[in-house]
């Protein structure tokens, strides 16, 4: 991976990340392709209408189905999905934690039962790297010990201590593998934990950032805390992260979350919100959210967002999108997903342009001024 900072405006950063499969300009939002597909879209849709340079896949889901060995046999994620650009794969720890009703964490890993058939599995720091080696993602996330908030100080303390131990095991294993020719073009990120406790975040960040990772993520947020607590935690944590490596905030979030956290020095984001909300009838626009199911759009000839240049807004009316949604027509899911992801990608591009021009504060002021109160 090659990483360079193109411009800094305040704390907001415009950077360029180059992997074996693409050049990624930040700030960047990664569409979530959990099982190797962004829901309702295929690789052709992504490249024709959205042009993302990186998407996210999930180790937990791909390990259970179709299985990482199948993906490897089919040419890794790039060959299997036909999406030729970069993939980041989450370690699967969050899914094991959130989807299984019977999770047990010990010092060596996580025992869980499949949400598909109830079968029992065990993830260790080295096992999830082996799985991601088979997937051949460009960026691999290490296994971490995630804690839902609120949590006791004792539980958060044990989480960061375990996460640090697992990180040390992970980076040593990955670098040894690379010397053997395994995962040579793959990069590895650590995940900083600590809840909203400043001392724990500082401890986790300091310990992890002393290790030879290619980038660093802030995890364990957007899991029950208030927005201002999330923003304050990010603001506090980034000061302990290296300036010469990517900074990734996991699982966040709303357009407002993206703007606020870019202003705090974050480079990379992912979240299911734009795709999930699209399927549920909520569309994002420059002036706020549109609930397309509303009666007011029944004969509305306007596009979803008159300022949007996506294929959907250039072609279809709010009236037609409302009809498709109410008719439960599968075409709606594709069109709504294209629009929402286009909005997110365009928002990131606008922020990058503002940072390059040294006008990020002006952009942020205008962004909020447009939102419908």
Protein backbone atom coordinates (compact mmCIF):
# COMPACT_ATOMS: atom_id res chain seq x y z
CA UNK A 1 0.00 0.00 0.00
CA UNK A 2 1.12 3.49 -0.81
CA UNK A 3 -0.35 6.32 1.26
CA UNK A 4 0.11 10.02 0.74
CA UNK A 5 -1.51 13.14 2.15
CA UNK A 6 -2.58 15.51 -0.62
CA UNK A 7 -3.91 18.36 1.55
CA UNK A 8 -4.92 19.11 5.12
CA UNK A 9 -7.51 21.77 6.02
CA UNK A 10 -7.83 22.11 9.78
CA UNK A 11 -7.93 18.45 10.80
CA UNK A 12 -9.71 17.30 7.62
CA UNK A 13 -7.47 15.32 5.26
CA UNK A 14 -7.50 14.59 1.53
CA UNK A 15 -5.30 11.56 0.92
CA UNK A 16 -4.54 8.96 -1.75
CA UNK A 17 -4.30 5.23 -1.00
CA UNK A 18 -2.92 2.93 -3.67
CA UNK A 19 -3.44 -0.83 -3.41
CA UNK A 20 -2.77 -3.65 -5.86
CA UNK A 21 -6.21 -3.14 -7.41
CA UNK A 22 -7.07 0.57 -7.32
CA UNK A 23 -6.21 4.12 -6.37
CA UNK A 24 -8.49 5.43 -3.64
CA UNK A 25 -8.96 9.12 -2.98
CA UNK A 26 -10.11 10.08 0.49
CA UNK A 27 -12.29 10.91 2.27
CA UNK A 28 -13.88 7.69 1.04
CA UNK A 29 -17.11 5.87 1.82
CA UNK A 30 -16.99 2.12 1.18
CA UNK A 31 -20.28 0.50 0.08
CA UNK A 32 -21.00 -2.59 2.13
CA UNK A 33 -20.96 -5.80 0.08
CA UNK A 34 -21.31 -8.18 3.00
CA UNK A 35 -21.52 -11.48 1.11
CA UNK A 36 -19.60 -10.32 -1.95
CA UNK A 37 -22.36 -8.13 -3.40
CA UNK A 38 -23.71 -4.71 -2.55
CA UNK A 39 -27.39 -5.56 -1.98
CA UNK A 40 -29.49 -5.08 -5.16
CA UNK A 41 -26.43 -4.25 -7.31
CA UNK A 42 -23.81 -6.16 -9.27
CA UNK A 43 -20.28 -5.25 -10.34
CA UNK A 44 -21.53 -3.70 -13.58
CA UNK A 45 -23.91 -1.39 -11.70
CA UNK A 46 -21.12 -0.37 -9.35
CA UNK A 47 -18.71 0.50 -12.14
CA UNK A 48 -21.27 2.06 -14.50
CA UNK A 49 -23.20 4.27 -12.10
CA UNK A 50 -21.13 4.71 -8.92
CA UNK A 51 -17.46 4.12 -9.72
CA UNK A 52 -16.27 3.14 -6.21
CA UNK A 53 -12.59 2.28 -5.91
CA UNK A 54 -13.15 0.11 -2.82
CA UNK A 55 -16.02 -1.88 -1.31
CA UNK A 56 -16.34 -3.92 1.86
CA UNK A 57 -16.86 -7.66 2.27
CA UNK A 58 -17.32 -9.61 5.48
CA UNK A 59 -15.15 -12.47 6.66
CA UNK A 60 -17.82 -14.02 8.90
CA UNK A 61 -20.46 -14.25 6.17
CA UNK A 62 -18.13 -15.33 3.38
CA UNK A 63 -16.53 -17.94 5.63
CA UNK A 64 -19.93 -19.48 6.39
CA UNK A 65 -21.26 -19.18 2.85
CA UNK A 66 -19.98 -20.04 0.26
CA UNK A 67 -16.80 -20.64 2.34
CA UNK A 68 -13.48 -18.91 1.86
CA UNK A 69 -11.93 -21.93 0.12
CA UNK A 70 -14.61 -21.71 -2.58
CA UNK A 71 -13.87 -18.00 -3.04
CA UNK A 72 -10.15 -18.78 -3.31
CA UNK A 73 -10.79 -21.46 -5.92
CA UNK A 74 -12.86 -18.95 -7.92
CA UNK A 75 -10.06 -16.39 -8.02
CA UNK A 76 -10.52 -14.59 -4.71
CA UNK A 77 -13.09 -11.86 -4.25
CA UNK A 78 -12.06 -10.07 -7.43
CA UNK A 79 -12.43 -13.13 -9.63
CA UNK A 80 -15.52 -14.40 -7.84
CA UNK A 81 -17.52 -11.14 -7.86
CA UNK A 82 -16.01 -9.60 -11.02
CA UNK A 83 -15.49 -6.35 -9.13
CA UNK A 84 -11.89 -5.57 -10.16
CA UNK A 85 -11.05 -2.86 -7.65
CA UNK A 86 -10.14 -2.95 -3.97
CA UNK A 87 -11.86 -4.92 -1.23
CA UNK A 88 -11.63 -4.37 2.51
CA UNK A 89 -12.75 -7.32 4.61
CA UNK A 90 -13.95 -6.95 8.18
CA UNK A 91 -12.62 -9.65 10.48
CA UNK A 92 -16.07 -10.98 11.33
CA UNK A 93 -15.75 -10.37 15.06
CA UNK A 94 -18.68 -7.95 15.11
CA UNK A 95 -20.95 -10.39 13.26
CA UNK A 96 -19.98 -13.28 15.51
CA UNK A 97 -20.82 -11.01 18.42
CA UNK A 98 -24.08 -9.60 17.07
CA UNK A 99 -25.64 -12.49 15.11
CA UNK A 100 -24.96 -15.42 17.37
CA UNK A 101 -27.03 -16.03 20.49
CA UNK A 102 -24.29 -18.12 22.05
CA UNK A 103 -20.94 -16.34 21.83
CA UNK A 104 -18.08 -17.24 24.12
CA UNK A 105 -14.88 -15.20 24.20
CA UNK A 106 -11.70 -16.63 25.69
CA UNK A 107 -8.10 -15.50 25.61
CA UNK A 108 -7.46 -17.23 22.28
CA UNK A 109 -10.54 -16.40 20.24
CA UNK A 110 -14.32 -16.36 19.81
CA UNK A 111 -16.62 -19.38 19.78
CA UNK A 112 -19.94 -18.80 18.02
CA UNK A 113 -22.77 -20.59 16.30
CA UNK A 114 -23.70 -19.90 12.69
CA UNK A 115 -26.83 -17.82 12.23
CA UNK A 116 -27.52 -20.00 9.16
CA UNK A 117 -27.57 -23.53 10.55
CA UNK A 118 -26.44 -23.32 14.17
CA UNK A 119 -23.12 -25.03 13.50
CA UNK A 120 -20.30 -24.25 15.93
CA UNK A 121 -17.19 -22.33 14.87
CA UNK A 122 -14.10 -20.82 16.45
CA UNK A 123 -12.36 -17.65 15.23
CA UNK A 124 -8.79 -16.94 16.34
CA UNK A 125 -6.56 -14.05 15.26
CA UNK A 126 -4.63 -16.31 12.88
CA UNK A 127 -7.70 -18.10 11.53
CA UNK A 128 -9.36 -14.89 10.39
CA UNK A 129 -6.15 -13.93 8.58
CA UNK A 130 -6.08 -17.33 6.89
CA UNK A 131 -9.67 -16.77 5.76
CA UNK A 132 -8.87 -13.28 4.45
CA UNK A 133 -5.78 -14.63 2.67
CA UNK A 134 -8.14 -16.95 0.80
CA UNK A 135 -10.50 -14.07 0.05
CA UNK A 136 -7.48 -12.05 -1.20
CA UNK A 137 -8.85 -8.73 0.04
CA UNK A 138 -6.65 -5.67 -0.33
CA UNK A 139 -7.15 -4.61 3.30
CA UNK A 140 -7.66 -7.14 6.10
CA UNK A 141 -9.00 -6.24 9.53
CA UNK A 142 -7.68 -8.07 12.58
CA UNK A 143 -9.86 -9.93 15.06
CA UNK A 144 -10.76 -7.66 17.98
CA UNK A 145 -12.83 -7.98 21.13
CA UNK A 146 -15.85 -5.76 20.56
CA UNK A 147 -17.91 -4.44 23.47
CA UNK A 148 -21.44 -3.08 23.19
CA UNK A 149 -22.07 0.16 25.04
CA UNK A 150 -22.79 0.85 27.81
CA UNK A 151 -20.33 -1.54 29.45
CA UNK A 152 -18.46 -1.71 32.75
CA UNK A 153 -14.92 -0.40 33.02
CA UNK A 154 -13.76 -3.93 33.82
CA UNK A 155 -15.26 -5.28 30.59
CA UNK A 156 -13.79 -2.47 28.48
CA UNK A 157 -10.39 -2.94 30.11
CA UNK A 158 -10.37 -6.66 29.35
CA UNK A 159 -11.49 -5.87 25.79
CA UNK A 160 -8.58 -3.57 24.99
CA UNK A 161 -6.05 -5.84 26.66
CA UNK A 162 -7.31 -8.82 24.67
CA UNK A 163 -7.46 -6.76 21.46
CA UNK A 164 -3.82 -5.72 21.93
CA UNK A 165 -2.71 -9.31 22.47
CA UNK A 166 -4.60 -10.46 19.43
CA UNK A 167 -3.18 -7.58 17.38
CA UNK A 168 0.37 -8.55 18.30
CA UNK A 169 -0.35 -12.15 17.31
CA UNK A 170 -1.99 -11.01 14.06
CA UNK A 171 0.75 -8.70 12.83
CA UNK A 172 3.51 -11.20 13.59
CA UNK A 173 1.60 -13.96 11.80
CA UNK A 174 0.85 -11.77 8.76
CA UNK A 175 4.44 -10.55 8.37
CA UNK A 176 5.75 -14.13 8.72
CA UNK A 177 3.26 -15.22 6.05
CA UNK A 178 4.45 -12.49 3.71
CA UNK A 179 8.02 -13.77 4.03
CA UNK A 180 6.64 -17.11 2.80
CA UNK A 181 4.91 -15.42 -0.16
CA UNK A 182 1.43 -15.45 1.38
CA UNK A 183 -0.61 -12.23 1.36
CA UNK A 184 2.26 -10.23 -0.12
CA UNK A 185 -0.06 -7.63 -1.67
CA UNK A 186 -2.51 -7.62 1.24
CA UNK A 187 -2.53 -4.91 3.88
CA UNK A 188 -3.58 -5.20 7.51
CA UNK A 189 -5.30 -2.73 9.82
CA UNK A 190 -5.63 -2.83 13.61
CA UNK A 191 -8.80 -1.77 15.45
CA UNK A 192 -8.64 0.64 18.39
CA UNK A 193 -11.16 -0.10 21.13
CA UNK A 194 -11.98 1.47 24.52
CA UNK A 195 -15.60 2.56 24.48
CA UNK A 196 -16.02 6.27 25.21
CA UNK A 197 -13.44 6.21 28.00
CA UNK A 198 -10.55 8.55 27.15
CA UNK A 199 -7.93 6.71 29.17
CA UNK A 200 -8.85 3.37 27.58
CA UNK A 201 -8.86 4.85 24.07
CA UNK A 202 -5.45 6.40 24.64
CA UNK A 203 -4.09 3.11 25.98
CA UNK A 204 -5.50 1.07 23.09
CA UNK A 205 -4.37 3.54 20.43
CA UNK A 206 -0.89 3.94 21.88
CA UNK A 207 -0.30 0.20 22.15
CA UNK A 208 -1.67 -0.67 18.70
CA UNK A 209 -0.09 2.25 16.84
CA UNK A 210 3.33 1.15 18.11
CA UNK A 211 2.93 -1.97 15.96
CA UNK A 212 3.73 -2.35 12.26
CA UNK A 213 0.21 -2.11 10.83
CA UNK A 214 -0.58 -0.53 7.46
CA UNK A 215 -3.47 1.49 8.86
CA UNK A 216 -5.63 1.91 11.93
CA UNK A 217 -9.36 1.82 12.55
CA UNK A 218 -11.48 3.17 15.36
CA UNK A 219 -13.97 0.47 16.30
CA UNK A 220 -16.60 0.02 18.96
CA UNK A 221 -18.55 3.20 18.19
CA UNK A 222 -22.07 3.70 16.83
CA UNK A 223 -23.07 0.83 19.12
CA UNK A 224 -25.38 2.64 21.52
CA UNK A 225 -23.57 5.83 22.58
CA UNK A 226 -24.85 9.35 21.89
CA UNK A 227 -23.63 11.15 18.76
CA UNK A 228 -21.70 13.77 20.70
CA UNK A 229 -19.99 10.98 22.65
CA UNK A 230 -18.91 9.39 19.39
CA UNK A 231 -17.59 12.67 18.01
CA UNK A 232 -15.70 13.47 21.23
CA UNK A 233 -14.18 9.97 21.27
CA UNK A 234 -12.98 10.28 17.67
CA UNK A 235 -11.56 13.75 18.35
CA UNK A 236 -9.67 12.40 21.36
CA UNK A 237 -8.43 9.20 19.72
CA UNK A 238 -7.04 10.57 16.45
CA UNK A 239 -4.32 12.51 18.27
CA UNK A 240 -2.70 9.18 19.20
CA UNK A 241 -2.88 7.79 15.64
CA UNK A 242 -0.05 8.21 13.13
CA UNK A 243 -0.51 10.96 10.56
CA UNK A 244 1.20 8.96 7.80
CA UNK A 245 -1.26 6.04 7.70
CA UNK A 246 -4.98 5.74 6.89
CA UNK A 247 -7.57 6.32 9.60
CA UNK A 248 -10.79 4.33 9.33
CA UNK A 249 -13.96 4.82 11.42
CA UNK A 250 -15.93 1.58 11.30
CA UNK A 251 -19.70 1.34 10.86
CA UNK A 252 -20.49 5.08 10.72
CA UNK A 253 -22.97 6.43 9.52
CA UNK A 254 -25.30 9.29 8.59
CA UNK A 255 -24.26 12.09 6.21
CA UNK A 256 -23.87 14.31 9.28
CA UNK A 257 -21.62 11.68 10.89
CA UNK A 258 -19.40 11.62 7.81
CA UNK A 259 -19.01 15.41 7.72
CA UNK A 260 -18.34 15.66 11.45
CA UNK A 261 -15.76 12.89 11.47
CA UNK A 262 -13.96 14.04 8.34
CA UNK A 263 -13.56 17.34 10.17
CA UNK A 264 -11.90 15.33 12.97
CA UNK A 265 -9.33 13.71 10.68
CA UNK A 266 -10.96 10.44 9.54
CA UNK A 267 -10.21 9.15 6.02
CA UNK A 268 -12.33 6.02 5.54
CA UNK A 269 -15.91 5.02 6.39
CA UNK A 270 -18.39 2.20 5.85
CA UNK A 271 -22.00 1.70 6.89
CA UNK A 272 -25.08 -0.22 5.76
CA UNK A 273 -27.20 2.90 6.21
CA UNK A 274 -27.45 4.11 2.59
CA UNK A 275 -28.30 0.67 1.20
CA UNK A 276 -30.56 -0.44 4.06
CA UNK A 277 -32.42 2.86 4.16
CA UNK A 278 -32.88 2.74 0.39
CA UNK A 279 -34.63 -0.61 0.66
CA UNK A 280 -36.83 0.73 3.47
CA UNK A 281 -37.96 3.78 1.50
CA UNK A 282 -35.65 6.46 2.88
CA UNK A 283 -33.60 8.37 0.31
CA UNK A 284 -30.78 10.80 1.07
CA UNK A 285 -30.62 14.21 -0.59
CA UNK A 286 -28.73 17.47 -0.37
CA UNK A 287 -31.61 18.93 1.67
CA UNK A 288 -32.15 15.98 4.00
CA UNK A 289 -34.03 12.68 3.91
CA UNK A 290 -37.01 11.82 1.71
CA UNK A 291 -39.51 9.16 2.76
CA UNK A 292 -40.56 8.08 -0.71
CA UNK A 293 -43.64 6.23 0.58
CA UNK A 294 -45.27 9.53 1.59
CA UNK A 295 -48.55 10.50 -0.10
CA UNK A 296 -47.11 13.90 -1.11
CA UNK A 297 -44.95 12.23 -3.78
CA UNK A 298 -47.80 10.39 -5.53
CA UNK A 299 -47.86 12.78 -8.51
CA UNK A 300 -44.52 14.54 -7.93
CA UNK A 301 -42.69 14.92 -11.24
CA UNK A 302 -39.41 16.07 -9.67
CA UNK A 303 -36.40 13.79 -9.30
CA UNK A 304 -35.49 12.57 -5.82
CA UNK A 305 -32.94 15.39 -5.53
CA UNK A 306 -32.91 18.16 -8.17
CA UNK A 307 -29.22 18.77 -7.38
CA UNK A 308 -28.24 15.12 -7.92
CA UNK A 309 -26.57 13.92 -11.14
CA UNK A 310 -27.12 10.19 -10.61
CA UNK A 311 -28.72 8.01 -13.27
CA UNK A 312 -31.89 7.70 -11.21
CA UNK A 313 -32.40 11.43 -10.70
CA UNK A 314 -31.68 12.11 -14.37
CA UNK A 315 -34.29 9.59 -15.47
CA UNK A 316 -37.08 8.94 -12.97
CA UNK A 317 -39.58 10.94 -10.91
CA UNK A 318 -40.42 10.73 -7.24
CA UNK A 319 -43.87 9.57 -8.35
CA UNK A 320 -42.44 6.57 -10.18
CA UNK A 321 -40.09 5.64 -7.31
CA UNK A 322 -43.01 5.84 -4.86
CA UNK A 323 -45.09 3.59 -7.14
CA UNK A 324 -42.30 1.00 -7.39
CA UNK A 325 -41.81 0.99 -3.63
CA UNK A 326 -45.51 0.58 -2.86
CA UNK A 327 -45.84 -2.12 -5.51
CA UNK A 328 -42.91 -3.97 -3.91
CA UNK A 329 -41.25 -4.02 -7.35
CA UNK A 330 -37.70 -5.36 -7.13
CA UNK A 331 -36.53 -2.65 -9.55
CA UNK A 332 -37.10 -0.12 -6.77
CA UNK A 333 -34.34 -1.63 -4.61
CA UNK A 334 -31.78 -1.25 -7.40
CA UNK A 335 -32.71 2.32 -8.29
CA UNK A 336 -32.95 3.51 -4.69
CA UNK A 337 -29.63 1.89 -3.81
CA UNK A 338 -27.90 3.50 -6.78
CA UNK A 339 -29.21 6.91 -5.75
CA UNK A 340 -28.30 6.64 -2.07
CA UNK A 341 -24.79 5.40 -2.75
CA UNK A 342 -24.28 8.06 -5.42
CA UNK A 343 -25.31 10.67 -2.87
CA UNK A 344 -22.78 9.32 -0.36
CA UNK A 345 -19.96 9.15 -2.91
CA UNK A 346 -20.73 12.63 -4.16
CA UNK A 347 -20.71 13.95 -0.59
CA UNK A 348 -17.23 12.50 -0.09
CA UNK A 349 -16.04 14.01 -3.39
CA UNK A 350 -17.39 17.41 -2.38
CA UNK A 351 -15.57 17.20 0.94
CA UNK A 352 -12.33 16.22 -0.78
CA UNK A 353 -12.63 19.15 -3.19
CA UNK A 354 -13.31 21.53 -0.30
CA UNK A 355 -10.25 20.26 1.59
CA UNK A 356 -8.04 20.62 -1.48
CA UNK A 357 -9.28 24.20 -1.93
CA UNK A 358 -8.87 25.02 1.77
CA UNK A 359 -12.60 25.65 2.11
CA UNK A 360 -13.77 22.79 4.32
CA UNK A 361 -15.32 25.04 6.97
CA UNK A 362 -17.31 26.85 4.28
CA UNK A 363 -18.45 23.49 2.90
CA UNK A 364 -19.55 22.34 6.34
CA UNK A 365 -21.53 25.52 6.96
CA UNK A 366 -23.30 25.22 3.59
CA UNK A 367 -23.97 21.50 4.15
CA UNK A 368 -25.92 22.23 7.33
CA UNK A 369 -27.63 25.32 5.90
CA UNK A 370 -29.23 23.16 3.18
CA UNK A 371 -30.65 20.58 5.59
CA UNK A 372 -34.39 20.85 6.13
CA UNK A 373 -35.00 21.54 9.79
